[in-house]
PDB file of N, CA and C in Angstrom:
ATOM      1  N   MET A   1       0.839  -1.172   0.000  1.00  0.00           N
ATOM      2  CA  MET A   1       0.000   0.000   0.000  1.00  0.00           C
ATOM      3  C   MET A   1       0.883   1.234   0.000  1.00  0.00           C
ATOM      4  N   ARG A   2       0.557   2.211  -0.811  1.00  0.00           N
ATOM      5  CA  ARG A   2       1.349   3.438  -0.902  1.00  0.00           C
ATOM      6  C   ARG A   2       0.849   4.454   0.106  1.00  0.00           C
ATOM      7  N   SER A   3       1.785   5.220   0.645  1.00  0.00           N
ATOM      8  CA  SER A   3       1.375   6.276   1.571  1.00  0.00           C
ATOM      9  C   SER A   3       0.960   7.505   0.783  1.00  0.00           C
ATOM     10  N   GLU A   4       0.225   8.380   1.399  1.00  0.00           N
ATOM     11  CA  GLU A   4      -0.246   9.599   0.747  1.00  0.00           C
ATOM     12  C   GLU A   4       0.903  10.546   0.423  1.00  0.00           C
ATOM     13  N   SER A   5       2.032  10.449   1.133  1.00  0.00           N
ATOM     14  CA  SER A   5       3.148  11.375   0.916  1.00  0.00           C
ATOM     15  C   SER A   5       3.977  11.025  -0.315  1.00  0.00           C
ATOM     16  N   GLN A   6       3.856   9.772  -0.815  1.00  0.00           N
ATOM     17  CA  GLN A   6       4.629   9.365  -1.981  1.00  0.00           C
ATOM     18  C   GLN A   6       3.846   9.664  -3.253  1.00  0.00           C
ATOM     19  N   PRO A   7       4.501  10.256  -4.276  1.00  0.00           N
ATOM     20  CA  PRO A   7       3.805  10.474  -5.545  1.00  0.00           C
ATOM     21  C   PRO A   7       3.468   9.138  -6.190  1.00  0.00           C
ATOM     22  N   ASP A   8       2.430   9.107  -6.957  1.00  0.00           N
ATOM     23  CA  ASP A   8       2.025   7.877  -7.628  1.00  0.00           C
ATOM     24  C   ASP A   8       2.897   7.679  -8.864  1.00  0.00           C
ATOM     25  N   GLN A   9       4.013   6.986  -8.682  1.00  0.00           N
ATOM     26  CA  GLN A   9       4.971   6.776  -9.764  1.00  0.00           C
ATOM     27  C   GLN A   9       4.411   5.865 -10.843  1.00  0.00           C
ATOM     28  N   ALA A  10       3.460   5.016 -10.489  1.00  0.00           N
ATOM     29  CA  ALA A  10       2.881   4.124 -11.483  1.00  0.00           C
ATOM     30  C   ALA A  10       2.172   4.919 -12.568  1.00  0.00           C
ATOM     31  N   LEU A  11       1.532   6.021 -12.193  1.00  0.00           N
ATOM     32  CA  LEU A  11       0.868   6.854 -13.182  1.00  0.00           C
ATOM     33  C   LEU A  11       1.882   7.576 -14.062  1.00  0.00           C
ATOM     34  N   ALA A  12       2.991   8.012 -13.480  1.00  0.00           N
ATOM     35  CA  ALA A  12       4.001   8.770 -14.222  1.00  0.00           C
ATOM     36  C   ALA A  12       4.770   7.889 -15.205  1.00  0.00           C
ATOM     37  N   THR A  13       5.058   6.636 -14.836  1.00  0.00           N
ATOM     38  CA  THR A  13       5.886   5.779 -15.676  1.00  0.00           C
ATOM     39  C   THR A  13       5.107   4.690 -16.379  1.00  0.00           C
ATOM     40  N   GLY A  14       3.872   4.484 -15.980  1.00  0.00           N
ATOM     41  CA  GLY A  14       3.079   3.428 -16.590  1.00  0.00           C
ATOM     42  C   GLY A  14       3.384   2.060 -16.022  1.00  0.00           C
ATOM     43  N   SER A  15       4.127   1.979 -14.925  1.00  0.00           N
ATOM     44  CA  SER A  15       4.420   0.691 -14.314  1.00  0.00           C
ATOM     45  C   SER A  15       4.465   0.847 -12.801  1.00  0.00           C
ATOM     46  N   ASP A  16       4.365  -0.274 -12.144  1.00  0.00           N
ATOM     47  CA  ASP A  16       4.431  -0.287 -10.682  1.00  0.00           C
ATOM     48  C   ASP A  16       5.895  -0.267 -10.270  1.00  0.00           C
ATOM     49  N   PRO A  17       6.350   0.803  -9.582  1.00  0.00           N
ATOM     50  CA  PRO A  17       7.769   0.897  -9.215  1.00  0.00           C
ATOM     51  C   PRO A  17       8.207  -0.174  -8.228  1.00  0.00           C
ATOM     52  N   LEU A  18       7.263  -0.857  -7.606  1.00  0.00           N
ATOM     53  CA  LEU A  18       7.617  -1.907  -6.653  1.00  0.00           C
ATOM     54  C   LEU A  18       7.805  -3.264  -7.327  1.00  0.00           C
ATOM     55  N   ASN A  19       7.518  -3.344  -8.622  1.00  0.00           N
ATOM     56  CA  ASN A  19       7.657  -4.584  -9.366  1.00  0.00           C
ATOM     57  C   ASN A  19       8.882  -4.482 -10.273  1.00  0.00           C
ATOM     58  N   PRO A  20       9.971  -5.201  -9.935  1.00  0.00           N
ATOM     59  CA  PRO A  20      11.205  -5.101 -10.732  1.00  0.00           C
ATOM     60  C   PRO A  20      11.018  -5.484 -12.202  1.00  0.00           C
ATOM     61  N   LEU A  21      10.132  -6.422 -12.493  1.00  0.00           N
ATOM     62  CA  LEU A  21       9.916  -6.825 -13.878  1.00  0.00           C
ATOM     63  C   LEU A  21       9.308  -5.678 -14.678  1.00  0.00           C
ATOM     64  N   ASN A  22       8.357  -4.953 -14.105  1.00  0.00           N
ATOM     65  CA  ASN A  22       7.769  -3.805 -14.781  1.00  0.00           C
ATOM     66  C   ASN A  22       8.805  -2.700 -14.957  1.00  0.00           C
ATOM     67  N   GLU A  23       9.666  -2.513 -13.970  1.00  0.00           N
ATOM     68  CA  GLU A  23      10.718  -1.496 -14.072  1.00  0.00           C
ATOM     69  C   GLU A  23      11.682  -1.845 -15.197  1.00  0.00           C
ATOM     70  N   LEU A  24      12.041  -3.114 -15.303  1.00  0.00           N
ATOM     71  CA  LEU A  24      12.942  -3.562 -16.368  1.00  0.00           C
ATOM     72  C   LEU A  24      12.291  -3.370 -17.732  1.00  0.00           C
ATOM     73  N   THR A  25      11.009  -3.682 -17.836  1.00  0.00           N
ATOM     74  CA  THR A  25      10.282  -3.494 -19.085  1.00  0.00           C
ATOM     75  C   THR A  25      10.260  -2.020 -19.473  1.00  0.00           C
ATOM     76  N   THR A  26      10.043  -1.150 -18.501  1.00  0.00           N
ATOM     77  CA  THR A  26      10.030   0.288 -18.752  1.00  0.00           C
ATOM     78  C   THR A  26      11.406   0.765 -19.215  1.00  0.00           C
ATOM     79  N   LEU A  27      12.458   0.304 -18.574  1.00  0.00           N
ATOM     80  CA  LEU A  27      13.816   0.691 -18.963  1.00  0.00           C
ATOM     81  C   LEU A  27      14.146   0.210 -20.377  1.00  0.00           C
ATOM     82  N   ARG A  28      13.736  -1.005 -20.702  1.00  0.00           N
ATOM     83  CA  ARG A  28      13.981  -1.518 -22.052  1.00  0.00           C
ATOM     84  C   ARG A  28      13.266  -0.684 -23.100  1.00  0.00           C
ATOM     85  N   ALA A  29      12.052  -0.260 -22.795  1.00  0.00           N
ATOM     86  CA  ALA A  29      11.297   0.580 -23.729  1.00  0.00           C
ATOM     87  C   ALA A  29      11.986   1.924 -23.909  1.00  0.00           C
ATOM     88  N   GLN A  30      12.515   2.491 -22.824  1.00  0.00           N
ATOM     89  CA  GLN A  30      13.230   3.769 -22.912  1.00  0.00           C
ATOM     90  C   GLN A  30      14.493   3.624 -23.745  1.00  0.00           C
ATOM     91  N   VAL A  31      15.229   2.552 -23.567  1.00  0.00           N
ATOM     92  CA  VAL A  31      16.444   2.308 -24.352  1.00  0.00           C
ATOM     93  C   VAL A  31      16.091   2.134 -25.825  1.00  0.00           C
ATOM     94  N   ALA A  32      15.016   1.426 -26.113  1.00  0.00           N
ATOM     95  CA  ALA A  32      14.596   1.222 -27.500  1.00  0.00           C
ATOM     96  C   ALA A  32      14.223   2.555 -28.155  1.00  0.00           C
ATOM     97  N   ARG A  33      13.541   3.438 -27.412  1.00  0.00           N
ATOM     98  CA  ARG A  33      13.195   4.757 -27.957  1.00  0.00           C
ATOM     99  C   ARG A  33      14.455   5.581 -28.208  1.00  0.00           C
ATOM    100  N   TYR A  34      15.403   5.552 -27.283  1.00  0.00           N
ATOM    101  CA  TYR A  34      16.663   6.284 -27.459  1.00  0.00           C
ATOM    102  C   TYR A  34      17.396   5.765 -28.698  1.00  0.00           C
ATOM    103  N   ARG A  35      17.513   4.426 -28.813  1.00  0.00           N
ATOM    104  CA  ARG A  35      18.216   3.811 -29.940  1.00  0.00           C
ATOM    105  C   ARG A  35      17.595   4.251 -31.253  1.00  0.00           C
ATOM    106  N   ALA A  36      16.265   4.190 -31.338  1.00  0.00           N
ATOM    107  CA  ALA A  36      15.578   4.569 -32.573  1.00  0.00           C
ATOM    108  C   ALA A  36      15.814   6.039 -32.882  1.00  0.00           C
ATOM    109  N   ALA A  37      15.718   6.904 -31.872  1.00  0.00           N
ATOM    110  CA  ALA A  37      15.928   8.340 -32.089  1.00  0.00           C
ATOM    111  C   ALA A  37      17.357   8.614 -32.547  1.00  0.00           C
ATOM    112  N   PHE A  38      18.318   7.919 -31.992  1.00  0.00           N
ATOM    113  CA  PHE A  38      19.720   8.116 -32.347  1.00  0.00           C
ATOM    114  C   PHE A  38      20.004   7.587 -33.747  1.00  0.00           C
ATOM    115  N   GLU A  39      19.605   6.350 -33.999  1.00  0.00           N
ATOM    116  CA  GLU A  39      19.949   5.696 -35.257  1.00  0.00           C
ATOM    117  C   GLU A  39      19.182   6.234 -36.453  1.00  0.00           C
ATOM    118  N   LEU A  40      17.948   6.646 -36.255  1.00  0.00           N
ATOM    119  CA  LEU A  40      17.116   7.090 -37.370  1.00  0.00           C
ATOM    120  C   LEU A  40      17.103   8.600 -37.548  1.00  0.00           C
ATOM    121  N   SER A  41      17.882   9.300 -36.756  1.00  0.00           N
ATOM    122  CA  SER A  41      17.919  10.755 -36.814  1.00  0.00           C
ATOM    123  C   SER A  41      18.514  11.236 -38.128  1.00  0.00           C
ATOM    124  N   GLY A  42      17.897  12.277 -38.710  1.00  0.00           N
ATOM    125  CA  GLY A  42      18.423  12.874 -39.941  1.00  0.00           C
ATOM    126  C   GLY A  42      19.749  13.571 -39.722  1.00  0.00           C
ATOM    127  N   PRO A  43      19.859  14.394 -38.675  1.00  0.00           N
ATOM    128  CA  PRO A  43      21.143  15.041 -38.405  1.00  0.00           C
ATOM    129  C   PRO A  43      22.175  14.011 -37.926  1.00  0.00           C
ATOM    130  N   GLY A  44      23.415  14.230 -38.298  1.00  0.00           N
ATOM    131  CA  GLY A  44      24.471  13.353 -37.826  1.00  0.00           C
ATOM    132  C   GLY A  44      24.644  13.494 -36.326  1.00  0.00           C
ATOM    133  N   GLN A  45      24.785  12.367 -35.649  1.00  0.00           N
ATOM    134  CA  GLN A  45      24.964  12.369 -34.206  1.00  0.00           C
ATOM    135  C   GLN A  45      26.079  11.415 -33.827  1.00  0.00           C
ATOM    136  N   ALA A  46      26.754  11.773 -32.751  1.00  0.00           N
ATOM    137  CA  ALA A  46      27.792  10.899 -32.215  1.00  0.00           C
ATOM    138  C   ALA A  46      27.836  11.058 -30.707  1.00  0.00           C
ATOM    139  N   LEU A  47      28.211   9.976 -30.051  1.00  0.00           N
ATOM    140  CA  LEU A  47      28.564  10.044 -28.645  1.00  0.00           C
ATOM    141  C   LEU A  47      30.084   9.997 -28.606  1.00  0.00           C
ATOM    142  N   VAL A  48      30.675  10.955 -27.929  1.00  0.00           N
ATOM    143  CA  VAL A  48      32.127  11.069 -27.869  1.00  0.00           C
ATOM    144  C   VAL A  48      32.541  10.999 -26.407  1.00  0.00           C
ATOM    145  N   GLY A  49      33.521  10.168 -26.114  1.00  0.00           N
ATOM    146  CA  GLY A  49      34.014  10.039 -24.749  1.00  0.00           C
ATOM    147  C   GLY A  49      34.795  11.269 -24.325  1.00  0.00           C
ATOM    148  N   LEU A  50      35.054  11.371 -23.041  1.00  0.00           N
ATOM    149  CA  LEU A  50      35.823  12.496 -22.515  1.00  0.00           C
ATOM    150  C   LEU A  50      37.231  12.552 -23.090  1.00  0.00           C
ATOM    151  N   ASN A  51      37.709  11.411 -23.587  1.00  0.00           N
ATOM    152  CA  ASN A  51      39.037  11.366 -24.200  1.00  0.00           C
ATOM    153  C   ASN A  51      39.018  11.760 -25.673  1.00  0.00           C
ATOM    154  N   GLY A  52      37.823  12.099 -26.220  1.00  0.00           N
ATOM    155  CA  GLY A  52      37.716  12.527 -27.602  1.00  0.00           C
ATOM    156  C   GLY A  52      37.482  11.409 -28.598  1.00  0.00           C
ATOM    157  N   ARG A  53      37.405  10.171 -28.129  1.00  0.00           N
ATOM    158  CA  ARG A  53      37.160   9.027 -29.012  1.00  0.00           C
ATOM    159  C   ARG A  53      35.662   8.867 -29.261  1.00  0.00           C
ATOM    160  N   PHE A  54      35.326   8.509 -30.498  1.00  0.00           N
ATOM    161  CA  PHE A  54      33.941   8.240 -30.823  1.00  0.00           C
ATOM    162  C   PHE A  54      33.503   6.940 -30.149  1.00  0.00           C
ATOM    163  N   LEU A  55      32.366   6.979 -29.485  1.00  0.00           N
ATOM    164  CA  LEU A  55      31.804   5.793 -28.841  1.00  0.00           C
ATOM    165  C   LEU A  55      30.685   5.189 -29.685  1.00  0.00           C
ATOM    166  N   GLU A  56      29.874   6.064 -30.279  1.00  0.00           N
ATOM    167  CA  GLU A  56      28.781   5.649 -31.156  1.00  0.00           C
ATOM    168  C   GLU A  56      28.598   6.715 -32.224  1.00  0.00           C
ATOM    169  N   VAL A  57      28.244   6.293 -33.419  1.00  0.00           N
ATOM    170  CA  VAL A  57      27.942   7.225 -34.508  1.00  0.00           C
ATOM    171  C   VAL A  57      26.708   6.707 -35.230  1.00  0.00           C
ATOM    172  N   ASN A  58      25.916   7.624 -35.785  1.00  0.00           N
ATOM    173  CA  ASN A  58      24.760   7.160 -36.552  1.00  0.00           C
ATOM    174  C   ASN A  58      25.084   7.201 -38.047  1.00  0.00           C
ATOM    175  N   ALA A  59      24.199   6.591 -38.833  1.00  0.00           N
ATOM    176  CA  ALA A  59      24.421   6.484 -40.282  1.00  0.00           C
ATOM    177  C   ALA A  59      24.481   7.852 -40.951  1.00  0.00           C
ATOM    178  N   SER A  60      23.687   8.802 -40.453  1.00  0.00           N
ATOM    179  CA  SER A  60      23.700  10.143 -41.045  1.00  0.00           C
ATOM    180  C   SER A  60      25.071  10.798 -40.899  1.00  0.00           C
ATOM    181  N   LEU A  61      25.688  10.662 -39.735  1.00  0.00           N
ATOM    182  CA  LEU A  61      27.015  11.251 -39.533  1.00  0.00           C
ATOM    183  C   LEU A  61      28.027  10.592 -40.465  1.00  0.00           C
ATOM    184  N   CYS A  62      27.937   9.285 -40.604  1.00  0.00           N
ATOM    185  CA  CYS A  62      28.852   8.578 -41.508  1.00  0.00           C
ATOM    186  C   CYS A  62      28.706   9.093 -42.932  1.00  0.00           C
ATOM    187  N   GLN A  63      27.476   9.299 -43.363  1.00  0.00           N
ATOM    188  CA  GLN A  63      27.229   9.791 -44.714  1.00  0.00           C
ATOM    189  C   GLN A  63      27.749  11.216 -44.879  1.00  0.00           C
ATOM    190  N   ILE A  64      27.503  12.069 -43.905  1.00  0.00           N
ATOM    191  CA  ILE A  64      27.947  13.465 -43.958  1.00  0.00           C
ATOM    192  C   ILE A  64      29.469  13.554 -44.046  1.00  0.00           C
ATOM    193  N   LEU A  65      30.142  12.753 -43.224  1.00  0.00           N
ATOM    194  CA  LEU A  65      31.610  12.822 -43.152  1.00  0.00           C
ATOM    195  C   LEU A  65      32.302  11.948 -44.191  1.00  0.00           C
ATOM    196  N   GLY A  66      31.575  10.995 -44.767  1.00  0.00           N
ATOM    197  CA  GLY A  66      32.163  10.131 -45.778  1.00  0.00           C
ATOM    198  C   GLY A  66      33.041   9.031 -45.215  1.00  0.00           C
ATOM    199  N   TYR A  67      32.797   8.620 -43.985  1.00  0.00           N
ATOM    200  CA  TYR A  67      33.548   7.533 -43.353  1.00  0.00           C
ATOM    201  C   TYR A  67      32.590   6.420 -42.954  1.00  0.00           C
ATOM    202  N   PRO A  68      33.004   5.170 -43.080  1.00  0.00           N
ATOM    203  CA  PRO A  68      32.205   4.083 -42.498  1.00  0.00           C
ATOM    204  C   PRO A  68      32.247   4.176 -40.969  1.00  0.00           C
ATOM    205  N   ALA A  69      31.241   3.628 -40.322  1.00  0.00           N
ATOM    206  CA  ALA A  69      31.168   3.687 -38.856  1.00  0.00           C
ATOM    207  C   ALA A  69      32.427   3.112 -38.204  1.00  0.00           C
ATOM    208  N   ALA A  70      32.927   2.002 -38.715  1.00  0.00           N
ATOM    209  CA  ALA A  70      34.117   1.370 -38.120  1.00  0.00           C
ATOM    210  C   ALA A  70      35.313   2.316 -38.150  1.00  0.00           C
ATOM    211  N   ASP A  71      35.456   3.087 -39.226  1.00  0.00           N
ATOM    212  CA  ASP A  71      36.565   4.036 -39.306  1.00  0.00           C
ATOM    213  C   ASP A  71      36.404   5.164 -38.293  1.00  0.00           C
ATOM    214  N   LEU A  72      35.184   5.688 -38.168  1.00  0.00           N
ATOM    215  CA  LEU A  72      34.968   6.769 -37.195  1.00  0.00           C
ATOM    216  C   LEU A  72      35.196   6.283 -35.768  1.00  0.00           C
ATOM    217  N   LEU A  73      34.745   5.072 -35.479  1.00  0.00           N
ATOM    218  CA  LEU A  73      34.906   4.545 -34.121  1.00  0.00           C
ATOM    219  C   LEU A  73      36.369   4.308 -33.762  1.00  0.00           C
ATOM    220  N   ALA A  74      37.235   4.240 -34.758  1.00  0.00           N
ATOM    221  CA  ALA A  74      38.663   4.061 -34.514  1.00  0.00           C
ATOM    222  C   ALA A  74      39.395   5.403 -34.445  1.00  0.00           C
ATOM    223  N   ARG A  75      38.670   6.495 -34.648  1.00  0.00           N
ATOM    224  CA  ARG A  75      39.291   7.819 -34.700  1.00  0.00           C
ATOM    225  C   ARG A  75      39.011   8.647 -33.450  1.00  0.00           C
ATOM    226  N   HIS A  76      39.759   9.712 -33.351  1.00  0.00           N
ATOM    227  CA  HIS A  76      39.597  10.732 -32.319  1.00  0.00           C
ATOM    228  C   HIS A  76      38.835  11.894 -32.951  1.00  0.00           C
ATOM    229  N   PHE A  77      38.043  12.587 -32.168  1.00  0.00           N
ATOM    230  CA  PHE A  77      37.274  13.722 -32.674  1.00  0.00           C
ATOM    231  C   PHE A  77      38.171  14.715 -33.411  1.00  0.00           C
ATOM    232  N   ASN A  78      39.365  14.952 -32.911  1.00  0.00           N
ATOM    233  CA  ASN A  78      40.290  15.899 -33.537  1.00  0.00           C
ATOM    234  C   ASN A  78      40.746  15.440 -34.923  1.00  0.00           C
ATOM    235  N   ASP A  79      40.658  14.137 -35.193  1.00  0.00           N
ATOM    236  CA  ASP A  79      41.073  13.612 -36.492  1.00  0.00           C
ATOM    237  C   ASP A  79      40.191  14.109 -37.628  1.00  0.00           C
ATOM    238  N   ILE A  80      38.952  14.462 -37.326  1.00  0.00           N
ATOM    239  CA  ILE A  80      38.030  14.908 -38.379  1.00  0.00           C
ATOM    240  C   ILE A  80      37.672  16.391 -38.238  1.00  0.00           C
ATOM    241  N   THR A  81      38.332  17.086 -37.314  1.00  0.00           N
ATOM    242  CA  THR A  81      38.047  18.487 -37.055  1.00  0.00           C
ATOM    243  C   THR A  81      39.126  19.359 -37.693  1.00  0.00           C
ATOM    244  N   HIS A  82      38.704  20.405 -38.369  1.00  0.00           N
ATOM    245  CA  HIS A  82      39.656  21.334 -38.988  1.00  0.00           C
ATOM    246  C   HIS A  82      40.558  21.920 -37.900  1.00  0.00           C
ATOM    247  N   PRO A  83      41.870  22.041 -38.161  1.00  0.00           N
ATOM    248  CA  PRO A  83      42.797  22.547 -37.144  1.00  0.00           C
ATOM    249  C   PRO A  83      42.390  23.889 -36.543  1.00  0.00           C
ATOM    250  N   ASP A  84      41.777  24.766 -37.331  1.00  0.00           N
ATOM    251  CA  ASP A  84      41.353  26.062 -36.803  1.00  0.00           C
ATOM    252  C   ASP A  84      40.188  25.925 -35.816  1.00  0.00           C
ATOM    253  N   ASP A  85      39.471  24.805 -35.879  1.00  0.00           N
ATOM    254  CA  ASP A  85      38.332  24.588 -34.987  1.00  0.00           C
ATOM    255  C   ASP A  85      38.674  23.799 -33.739  1.00  0.00           C
ATOM    256  N   VAL A  86      39.883  23.243 -33.706  1.00  0.00           N
ATOM    257  CA  VAL A  86      40.296  22.490 -32.521  1.00  0.00           C
ATOM    258  C   VAL A  86      40.591  23.480 -31.443  1.00  0.00           C
TER     259      VAL A  86
END
């Protein structure tokens, strides 16, 4: 039973926060939405680590830059940045 002082998280997330299986299902749905938004995005997108290495790139970025994903993932952000912009 929930106390009156706790917000009803089930309404906000669509699942019962006390049920780990529902929480896992909700997290999987959120990851799937993120993946789709990242991969299907028209603008080029990348996740870059603090060390400047590409962690993930989408197909649009590969097309814009003219590199296959495997090549970008092996590069540093500075490798594709004009020296005046570094």
